Amino acid sequence: MWLEGFEAYLPAEISGGMRQRCALVRTLMFEHELVLLDEPLSALDAITRKSLQSLLLLLQSEFDRSILMITHDIEEALVLADEVLVLSRMPMKILQRFTLDDPKPRRLTDSRLIDIKEDVLWRLQQELKT
């Protein structure tokens, strides 16, 4: 479904979003309980990003994988994460921790998520001032 019709293509012949989907599918092939992702959805168009967010939620729910993901996108973290850590600049330390136990999929219009997003933005702005 995610890669149908592109089986014979070389990596240089497919889009960045398709390469990202391939990378995520490769993680499914291995039975590791923990998946480490560093900005996996950065530089993708909105539609591809939303599609891959759904795939990450599937990894968590259907394949019982834990995902440690680094992102600069606060909304993405609020939609996908069970726990959000706000990190300082170097030397890195945890500035704030949020536990998100609301059921997924989440809506960014939820008042609690809006409040958390505002807290994260405020904390990051304070960090930039130091």
C-alpha atoms as a PDB file:
ATOM      1  CA  MET A   1       0.000   0.000   0.000  1.00  0.00           C
ATOM      2  CA  TRP A   2       2.683   2.545   1.006  1.00  0.00           C
ATOM      3  CA  LEU A   3       5.169   1.535  -1.706  1.00  0.00           C
ATOM      4  CA  GLU A   4       2.971  -0.237  -4.248  1.00  0.00           C
ATOM      5  CA  GLY A   5       4.153   0.216  -7.832  1.00  0.00           C
ATOM      6  CA  PHE A   6       7.658   1.354  -6.869  1.00  0.00           C
ATOM      7  CA  GLU A   7       9.281  -2.010  -6.083  1.00  0.00           C
ATOM      8  CA  ALA A   8      11.765  -1.823  -9.001  1.00  0.00           C
ATOM      9  CA  TYR A   9      12.771   1.819  -8.509  1.00  0.00           C
ATOM     10  CA  LEU A  10      16.228   2.833  -7.261  1.00  0.00           C
ATOM     11  CA  PRO A  11      16.503   5.238  -4.290  1.00  0.00           C
ATOM     12  CA  ALA A  12      17.585   8.124  -6.552  1.00  0.00           C
ATOM     13  CA  GLU A  13      14.416   7.644  -8.619  1.00  0.00           C
ATOM     14  CA  ILE A  14      11.909   8.159  -5.817  1.00  0.00           C
ATOM     15  CA  SER A  15      10.849  11.164  -3.763  1.00  0.00           C
ATOM     16  CA  GLY A  16      12.118  12.034  -0.295  1.00  0.00           C
ATOM     17  CA  GLY A  17       8.761  11.051   1.164  1.00  0.00           C
ATOM     18  CA  MET A  18       8.949   7.659  -0.535  1.00  0.00           C
ATOM     19  CA  ARG A  19      12.490   7.170   0.838  1.00  0.00           C
ATOM     20  CA  GLN A  20      11.182   8.014   4.317  1.00  0.00           C
ATOM     21  CA  ARG A  21       8.382   5.457   3.933  1.00  0.00           C
ATOM     22  CA  CYS A  22      10.959   2.861   2.823  1.00  0.00           C
ATOM     23  CA  ALA A  23      13.061   3.597   5.896  1.00  0.00           C
ATOM     24  CA  LEU A  24      10.066   3.151   8.185  1.00  0.00           C
ATOM     25  CA  VAL A  25       9.034  -0.072   6.471  1.00  0.00           C
ATOM     26  CA  ARG A  26      12.601  -1.373   6.935  1.00  0.00           C
ATOM     27  CA  THR A  27      12.196  -0.854  10.677  1.00  0.00           C
ATOM     28  CA  LEU A  28       9.186  -3.170  10.590  1.00  0.00           C
ATOM     29  CA  MET A  29      11.317  -5.919   9.089  1.00  0.00           C
ATOM     30  CA  PHE A  30      13.427  -6.093  12.242  1.00  0.00           C
ATOM     31  CA  GLU A  31      11.895  -7.131  15.504  1.00  0.00           C
ATOM     32  CA  HIS A  32      13.498  -4.504  17.693  1.00  0.00           C
ATOM     33  CA  GLU A  33      11.291  -3.219  20.473  1.00  0.00           C
ATOM     34  CA  LEU A  34      12.810   0.272  20.283  1.00  0.00           C
ATOM     35  CA  VAL A  35      12.927   2.399  17.129  1.00  0.00           C
ATOM     36  CA  LEU A  36      15.221   5.447  17.162  1.00  0.00           C
ATOM     37  CA  LEU A  37      14.220   8.278  14.810  1.00  0.00           C
ATOM     38  CA  ASP A  38      16.018  11.588  14.339  1.00  0.00           C
ATOM     39  CA  GLU A  39      13.765  14.130  12.602  1.00  0.00           C
ATOM     40  CA  PRO A  40      12.151  11.443  10.414  1.00  0.00           C
ATOM     41  CA  LEU A  41       9.449  13.726   9.040  1.00  0.00           C
ATOM     42  CA  SER A  42      11.377  16.947   8.520  1.00  0.00           C
ATOM     43  CA  ALA A  43      11.365  18.523   5.070  1.00  0.00           C
ATOM     44  CA  LEU A  44       8.293  16.590   3.931  1.00  0.00           C
ATOM     45  CA  ASP A  45       5.144  18.079   2.452  1.00  0.00           C
ATOM     46  CA  ALA A  46       2.084  18.250   4.720  1.00  0.00           C
ATOM     47  CA  ILE A  47       0.239  15.330   3.115  1.00  0.00           C
ATOM     48  CA  THR A  48       3.239  12.987   3.228  1.00  0.00           C
ATOM     49  CA  ARG A  49       3.989  14.082   6.792  1.00  0.00           C
ATOM     50  CA  LYS A  50       0.434  13.290   7.923  1.00  0.00           C
ATOM     51  CA  SER A  51       0.608   9.917   6.166  1.00  0.00           C
ATOM     52  CA  LEU A  52       3.882   9.019   7.886  1.00  0.00           C
ATOM     53  CA  GLN A  53       2.550  10.168  11.249  1.00  0.00           C
ATOM     54  CA  SER A  54      -0.208   7.595  10.763  1.00  0.00           C
ATOM     55  CA  LEU A  55       2.428   4.974   9.989  1.00  0.00           C
ATOM     56  CA  LEU A  56       4.300   5.847  13.201  1.00  0.00           C
ATOM     57  CA  LEU A  57       1.077   5.481  15.192  1.00  0.00           C
ATOM     58  CA  LEU A  58       0.613   2.087  13.534  1.00  0.00           C
ATOM     59  CA  LEU A  59       4.142   1.089  14.564  1.00  0.00           C
ATOM     60  CA  GLN A  60       3.245   1.893  18.156  1.00  0.00           C
ATOM     61  CA  SER A  61      -0.170   0.286  18.302  1.00  0.00           C
ATOM     62  CA  GLU A  62      -0.165  -2.673  15.911  1.00  0.00           C
ATOM     63  CA  PHE A  63       3.487  -3.677  16.110  1.00  0.00           C
ATOM     64  CA  ASP A  64       3.997  -2.761  19.789  1.00  0.00           C
ATOM     65  CA  ARG A  65       7.133  -0.734  19.094  1.00  0.00           C
ATOM     66  CA  SER A  66       8.504   1.969  21.353  1.00  0.00           C
ATOM     67  CA  ILE A  67       9.695   4.994  19.421  1.00  0.00           C
ATOM     68  CA  LEU A  68      12.272   7.492  20.593  1.00  0.00           C
ATOM     69  CA  MET A  69      11.893  10.402  18.193  1.00  0.00           C
ATOM     70  CA  ILE A  70      13.668  13.710  18.007  1.00  0.00           C
ATOM     71  CA  THR A  71      11.632  16.502  16.454  1.00  0.00           C
ATOM     72  CA  HIS A  72      11.539  20.285  16.428  1.00  0.00           C
ATOM     73  CA  ASP A  73       7.828  20.191  15.592  1.00  0.00           C
ATOM     74  CA  ILE A  74       5.897  20.657  18.843  1.00  0.00           C
ATOM     75  CA  GLU A  75       2.541  19.729  17.313  1.00  0.00           C
ATOM     76  CA  GLU A  76       3.992  16.524  15.885  1.00  0.00           C
ATOM     77  CA  ALA A  77       5.311  15.590  19.320  1.00  0.00           C
ATOM     78  CA  LEU A  78       1.934  16.286  20.923  1.00  0.00           C
ATOM     79  CA  VAL A  79       0.107  14.113  18.392  1.00  0.00           C
ATOM     80  CA  LEU A  80       2.525  11.154  18.441  1.00  0.00           C
ATOM     81  CA  ALA A  81       4.201  11.034  21.843  1.00  0.00           C
ATOM     82  CA  ASP A  82       3.338   9.487  25.164  1.00  0.00           C
ATOM     83  CA  GLU A  83       5.976  11.671  26.776  1.00  0.00           C
ATOM     84  CA  VAL A  84       7.523  14.929  25.555  1.00  0.00           C
ATOM     85  CA  LEU A  85      10.869  16.135  26.835  1.00  0.00           C
ATOM     86  CA  VAL A  86      11.900  19.742  26.244  1.00  0.00           C
ATOM     87  CA  LEU A  87      15.685  19.884  26.053  1.00  0.00           C
ATOM     88  CA  SER A  88      18.102  22.741  26.651  1.00  0.00           C
ATOM     89  CA  ARG A  89      20.949  23.783  24.469  1.00  0.00           C
ATOM     90  CA  MET A  90      24.363  22.259  25.090  1.00  0.00           C
ATOM     91  CA  PRO A  91      25.188  20.948  27.559  1.00  0.00           C
ATOM     92  CA  MET A  92      21.813  19.309  27.076  1.00  0.00           C
ATOM     93  CA  LYS A  93      19.492  18.782  30.015  1.00  0.00           C
ATOM     94  CA  ILE A  94      15.770  18.177  30.418  1.00  0.00           C
ATOM     95  CA  LEU A  95      14.003  21.489  30.976  1.00  0.00           C
ATOM     96  CA  GLN A  96      10.482  20.151  31.132  1.00  0.00           C
ATOM     97  CA  ARG A  97       8.649  16.829  30.846  1.00  0.00           C
ATOM     98  CA  PHE A  98       5.037  16.268  29.803  1.00  0.00           C
ATOM     99  CA  THR A  99       3.188  12.971  30.048  1.00  0.00           C
ATOM    100  CA  LEU A 100       0.446  12.571  27.451  1.00  0.00           C
ATOM    101  CA  ASP A 101      -1.922   9.782  28.375  1.00  0.00           C
ATOM    102  CA  ASP A 102      -4.829  10.936  26.196  1.00  0.00           C
ATOM    103  CA  PRO A 103      -5.895   8.303  23.646  1.00  0.00           C
ATOM    104  CA  LYS A 104      -4.520   8.488  20.117  1.00  0.00           C
ATOM    105  CA  PRO A 105      -5.168   9.840  17.580  1.00  0.00           C
ATOM    106  CA  ARG A 106      -5.204  13.222  19.300  1.00  0.00           C
ATOM    107  CA  ARG A 107      -6.583  16.509  18.035  1.00  0.00           C
ATOM    108  CA  LEU A 108      -4.493  19.652  18.288  1.00  0.00           C
ATOM    109  CA  THR A 109      -7.657  21.575  19.149  1.00  0.00           C
ATOM    110  CA  ASP A 110      -7.790  19.803  22.532  1.00  0.00           C
ATOM    111  CA  SER A 111      -7.432  22.505  25.211  1.00  0.00           C
ATOM    112  CA  ARG A 112      -4.869  20.474  27.176  1.00  0.00           C
ATOM    113  CA  LEU A 113      -2.633  20.112  24.098  1.00  0.00           C
ATOM    114  CA  ILE A 114      -2.967  23.821  23.372  1.00  0.00           C
ATOM    115  CA  ASP A 115      -1.857  24.584  26.947  1.00  0.00           C
ATOM    116  CA  ILE A 116       1.107  22.213  26.697  1.00  0.00           C
ATOM    117  CA  LYS A 117       2.151  23.727  23.368  1.00  0.00           C
ATOM    118  CA  GLU A 118       2.091  27.200  24.926  1.00  0.00           C
ATOM    119  CA  ASP A 119       4.152  25.940  27.895  1.00  0.00           C
ATOM    120  CA  VAL A 120       6.730  24.372  25.564  1.00  0.00           C
ATOM    121  CA  LEU A 121       7.001  27.537  23.451  1.00  0.00           C
ATOM    122  CA  TRP A 122       7.391  29.694  26.559  1.00  0.00           C
ATOM    123  CA  ARG A 123      10.075  27.382  27.959  1.00  0.00           C
ATOM    124  CA  LEU A 124      11.996  27.400  24.659  1.00  0.00           C
ATOM    125  CA  GLN A 125      11.799  31.190  24.482  1.00  0.00           C
ATOM    126  CA  GLN A 126      13.188  31.417  28.021  1.00  0.00           C
ATOM    127  CA  GLU A 127      16.000  29.062  27.039  1.00  0.00           C
ATOM    128  CA  LEU A 128      16.933  31.312  24.103  1.00  0.00           C
ATOM    129  CA  LYS A 129      17.212  34.304  26.454  1.00  0.00           C
ATOM    130  CA  THR A 130      19.862  32.617  28.618  1.00  0.00           C
END
